[in-house]
Amino acid sequence: MKATGRAQTRGEELANSASHGIACMAALAATPALFTAVRPPLPSTGEQIGIGVFAITMVIVYLASALYHGLPDGRAKRLFMRVDHCAIFLFIAGTYTPFTVKILHDPWGWPLLTGVWAMAIAGLVAKGLGLLDRPLVSTLLYVGLGWIAVLVAGPVLAAIPGPGADWLYAGGVAYTVGALFYSLDGHIKFGHLVWHLFAIGGTACHFLAVYRYV
């Protein structure tokens, strides 16, 4: 998807596809470490399920992006563009799942978990139906959903050590800065690739938060 009217060149699209293809393979390779890391205390069954949701949505979002950008123009590319953007909503909810699962016993636990997923599913359905085809609107919703979840999730942040919360915030900043490049990729050659690299950085920050503190 392009943020403005300028179409991505084939070289740009290949770079976009390669960046997230590599990220997808890295996510697959790193996922087992999320379950074998030694954390005191060890994750509960529910927390392991939350970790699994994070890992699955992480792989899906990068796979969808790599396929979309790698396809030539045509019907399949348009289909995977929609899949790619729907997957972003899934990954936002998937990222917060392992952290909200930690506090399900608190009064805020279930409302936070169901609230994040309800907003993500609503965005996914709207995107799938073509109701969010304006790139700026979609980008603002992605960023807004991510930060709203952080800002209202005080109990989640209180349940993990300080460094874990720092990694969550760092990931949010990386995604937000990357979104600025995404909005300018019609004016900056390979600007979309820069957005991809910031997205990978944001995912790495959140991966570390899950790996070390869930």
Protein backbone atom coordinates (compact mmCIF):
# COMPACT_ATOMS: atom_id res chain seq x y z
CA MET A 1 0.00 0.00 0.00
CA LYS A 2 1.27 3.44 -0.80
CA ALA A 3 0.57 6.38 1.46
CA THR A 4 0.18 8.83 -1.40
CA GLY A 5 -0.53 8.68 -5.12
CA ARG A 6 3.03 7.64 -6.10
CA ALA A 7 3.29 3.98 -7.01
CA GLN A 8 6.18 2.03 -5.56
CA THR A 9 8.80 1.05 -8.14
CA ARG A 10 9.52 -2.64 -8.65
CA GLY A 11 12.87 -2.19 -6.93
CA GLU A 12 11.20 -0.60 -3.92
CA GLU A 13 8.63 -3.37 -3.74
CA LEU A 14 11.32 -6.05 -3.87
CA ALA A 15 13.14 -4.31 -1.01
CA ASN A 16 9.88 -4.02 0.92
CA SER A 17 9.16 -7.71 0.39
CA ALA A 18 12.69 -8.80 1.28
CA SER A 19 12.74 -6.79 4.51
CA HIS A 20 9.60 -8.35 5.87
CA GLY A 21 10.39 -11.75 4.39
CA ILE A 22 13.61 -11.77 6.42
CA ALA A 23 11.66 -10.54 9.45
CA CYS A 24 9.16 -13.38 9.02
CA MET A 25 11.93 -15.98 8.93
CA ALA A 26 13.58 -14.39 11.96
CA ALA A 27 10.26 -14.47 13.80
CA LEU A 28 9.82 -18.16 13.01
CA ALA A 29 13.36 -18.93 14.14
CA ALA A 30 13.06 -16.92 17.36
CA THR A 31 9.60 -18.10 18.43
CA PRO A 32 10.80 -21.27 20.25
CA ALA A 33 12.95 -19.06 22.49
CA LEU A 34 9.81 -17.39 23.83
CA PHE A 35 8.71 -20.70 25.32
CA THR A 36 12.10 -21.96 26.51
CA ALA A 37 13.38 -18.78 28.15
CA VAL A 38 13.90 -19.17 31.89
CA ARG A 39 11.96 -16.47 33.70
CA PRO A 40 11.34 -16.37 37.43
CA PRO A 41 8.52 -17.29 37.88
CA LEU A 42 7.86 -19.54 34.89
CA PRO A 43 4.89 -18.52 32.69
CA SER A 44 1.54 -20.04 33.56
CA THR A 45 -0.46 -21.99 30.99
CA GLY A 46 -2.52 -18.89 30.26
CA GLU A 47 0.61 -16.80 29.81
CA GLN A 48 2.05 -19.39 27.45
CA ILE A 49 -1.12 -19.18 25.38
CA GLY A 50 -0.73 -15.40 25.33
CA ILE A 51 2.87 -15.80 24.19
CA GLY A 52 1.66 -18.14 21.45
CA VAL A 53 -0.90 -15.59 20.25
CA PHE A 54 1.84 -12.96 20.07
CA ALA A 55 4.12 -15.29 18.10
CA ILE A 56 1.43 -16.40 15.64
CA THR A 57 0.22 -12.88 14.87
CA MET A 58 3.84 -11.71 14.51
CA VAL A 59 4.54 -14.35 11.86
CA ILE A 60 1.24 -13.67 10.09
CA VAL A 61 1.79 -9.92 9.79
CA TYR A 62 5.28 -10.26 8.33
CA LEU A 63 4.33 -13.11 6.02
CA ALA A 64 1.33 -11.19 4.68
CA SER A 65 3.45 -8.10 4.09
CA ALA A 66 6.22 -10.02 2.35
CA LEU A 67 3.74 -11.73 0.02
CA TYR A 68 1.85 -8.54 -0.75
CA HIS A 69 4.91 -6.50 -1.65
CA GLY A 70 6.48 -9.37 -3.60
CA LEU A 71 3.51 -9.93 -5.90
CA PRO A 72 3.26 -8.18 -9.28
CA ASP A 73 0.42 -5.73 -9.85
CA GLY A 74 -2.88 -7.47 -10.29
CA ARG A 75 -5.80 -9.04 -8.49
CA ALA A 76 -3.67 -11.17 -6.15
CA LYS A 77 -1.65 -8.15 -5.05
CA ARG A 78 -4.80 -6.17 -4.30
CA LEU A 79 -6.15 -9.08 -2.26
CA PHE A 80 -2.96 -9.44 -0.25
CA MET A 81 -2.82 -5.69 0.31
CA ARG A 82 -6.09 -6.03 2.21
CA VAL A 83 -4.83 -9.13 4.04
CA ASP A 84 -1.63 -7.27 4.94
CA HIS A 85 -3.48 -4.34 6.46
CA CYS A 86 -6.00 -6.55 8.28
CA ALA A 87 -3.08 -8.48 9.79
CA ILE A 88 -1.76 -5.29 11.37
CA PHE A 89 -4.86 -5.03 13.54
CA LEU A 90 -4.39 -8.66 14.58
CA PHE A 91 -0.77 -8.08 15.50
CA ILE A 92 -1.56 -5.02 17.61
CA ALA A 93 -3.99 -7.10 19.68
CA GLY A 94 -1.62 -10.06 19.63
CA THR A 95 1.19 -7.93 21.02
CA TYR A 96 -0.82 -6.89 24.07
CA THR A 97 -2.29 -10.35 24.71
CA PRO A 98 0.62 -11.86 26.71
CA PHE A 99 0.74 -8.79 28.93
CA THR A 100 -3.00 -8.55 29.58
CA VAL A 101 -3.16 -12.28 30.31
CA LYS A 102 -0.81 -11.65 33.24
CA ILE A 103 -3.50 -9.61 35.00
CA LEU A 104 -6.67 -11.56 34.18
CA HIS A 105 -7.17 -12.05 37.92
CA ASP A 106 -7.40 -8.25 38.36
CA PRO A 107 -10.64 -6.30 37.76
CA TRP A 108 -9.06 -4.68 34.70
CA GLY A 109 -7.78 -7.94 33.20
CA TRP A 110 -10.67 -9.20 31.11
CA PRO A 111 -11.94 -5.71 30.12
CA LEU A 112 -8.49 -4.80 28.78
CA LEU A 113 -8.04 -8.07 26.91
CA THR A 114 -11.51 -8.07 25.37
CA GLY A 115 -11.41 -4.33 24.69
CA VAL A 116 -8.17 -4.48 22.71
CA TRP A 117 -9.36 -7.47 20.70
CA ALA A 118 -12.80 -5.93 20.08
CA MET A 119 -11.22 -2.77 18.66
CA ALA A 120 -8.78 -4.80 16.58
CA ILE A 121 -11.51 -7.03 15.15
CA ALA A 122 -13.68 -3.99 14.39
CA GLY A 123 -10.76 -2.42 12.52
CA LEU A 124 -10.03 -5.68 10.71
CA VAL A 125 -13.64 -6.07 9.56
CA ALA A 126 -13.86 -2.43 8.47
CA LYS A 127 -10.61 -2.77 6.55
CA GLY A 128 -11.71 -6.03 4.97
CA LEU A 129 -14.97 -4.44 3.81
CA GLY A 130 -13.12 -1.53 2.25
CA LEU A 131 -14.36 1.04 4.76
CA LEU A 132 -10.85 2.20 5.68
CA ASP A 133 -9.25 2.65 2.29
CA ARG A 134 -7.77 6.06 3.03
CA PRO A 135 -4.14 5.40 4.06
CA LEU A 136 -3.98 8.32 6.49
CA VAL A 137 -7.08 7.15 8.36
CA SER A 138 -5.76 3.59 8.57
CA THR A 139 -2.37 4.74 9.82
CA LEU A 140 -3.90 6.93 12.51
CA LEU A 141 -6.07 4.02 13.65
CA TYR A 142 -3.09 1.67 13.85
CA VAL A 143 -1.01 4.12 15.86
CA GLY A 144 -3.97 5.22 17.96
CA LEU A 145 -5.00 1.68 18.88
CA GLY A 146 -1.45 0.84 19.88
CA TRP A 147 -1.00 3.89 22.10
CA ILE A 148 -4.50 3.81 23.59
CA ALA A 149 -3.83 0.27 24.72
CA VAL A 150 -0.61 1.41 26.38
CA LEU A 151 -2.07 4.50 28.03
CA VAL A 152 -5.05 2.72 29.56
CA ALA A 153 -3.09 -0.36 30.55
CA GLY A 154 -1.68 0.91 33.83
CA PRO A 155 -2.37 -2.42 35.56
CA VAL A 156 -0.48 -4.24 32.79
CA LEU A 157 2.56 -2.01 33.14
CA ALA A 158 2.45 -2.38 36.91
CA ALA A 159 2.52 -6.17 36.53
CA ILE A 160 5.84 -6.27 34.68
CA PRO A 161 9.25 -4.97 35.79
CA GLY A 162 10.34 -1.47 34.77
CA PRO A 163 12.60 -2.62 31.91
CA GLY A 164 9.71 -4.55 30.40
CA ALA A 165 7.53 -1.44 30.33
CA ASP A 166 10.46 0.49 28.84
CA TRP A 167 10.69 -2.02 25.99
CA LEU A 168 6.95 -1.67 25.38
CA TYR A 169 7.24 2.10 25.14
CA ALA A 170 10.36 1.88 22.96
CA GLY A 171 8.50 -0.37 20.54
CA GLY A 172 5.60 2.07 20.40
CA VAL A 173 7.97 4.94 19.63
CA ALA A 174 9.64 2.92 16.86
CA TYR A 175 6.29 2.15 15.23
CA THR A 176 5.20 5.79 15.52
CA VAL A 177 8.38 7.19 13.96
CA GLY A 178 8.12 4.58 11.23
CA ALA A 179 4.55 5.65 10.53
CA LEU A 180 5.84 9.15 9.75
CA PHE A 181 8.07 7.70 7.02
CA TYR A 182 5.13 5.64 5.80
CA SER A 183 3.08 8.81 5.39
CA LEU A 184 5.92 10.37 3.38
CA ASP A 185 6.86 7.41 1.19
CA GLY A 186 5.28 9.11 -1.80
CA HIS A 187 7.92 11.82 -1.50
CA ILE A 188 10.93 9.82 -0.31
CA LYS A 189 12.24 6.95 -2.40
CA PHE A 190 12.44 3.80 -0.29
CA GLY A 191 10.51 5.63 2.42
CA HIS A 192 8.28 2.59 2.73
CA LEU A 193 11.35 0.44 3.34
CA VAL A 194 12.35 2.80 6.16
CA TRP A 195 8.89 2.31 7.64
CA HIS A 196 9.41 -1.45 7.42
CA LEU A 197 12.74 -1.22 9.23
CA PHE A 198 11.22 0.83 12.05
CA ALA A 199 8.38 -1.69 12.28
CA ILE A 200 10.91 -4.50 12.61
CA GLY A 201 12.65 -2.51 15.33
CA GLY A 202 9.36 -2.02 17.16
CA THR A 203 8.62 -5.72 16.96
CA ALA A 204 12.10 -6.54 18.28
CA CYS A 205 11.48 -4.30 21.31
CA HIS A 206 8.16 -5.98 22.05
CA PHE A 207 9.67 -9.42 21.45
CA LEU A 208 12.30 -8.67 24.10
CA ALA A 209 9.59 -7.51 26.50
CA VAL A 210 7.74 -10.80 26.04
CA TYR A 211 10.94 -12.87 26.13
CA ARG A 212 12.28 -11.35 29.32
CA TYR A 213 9.26 -10.27 31.34
CA VAL A 214 6.18 -12.40 30.57
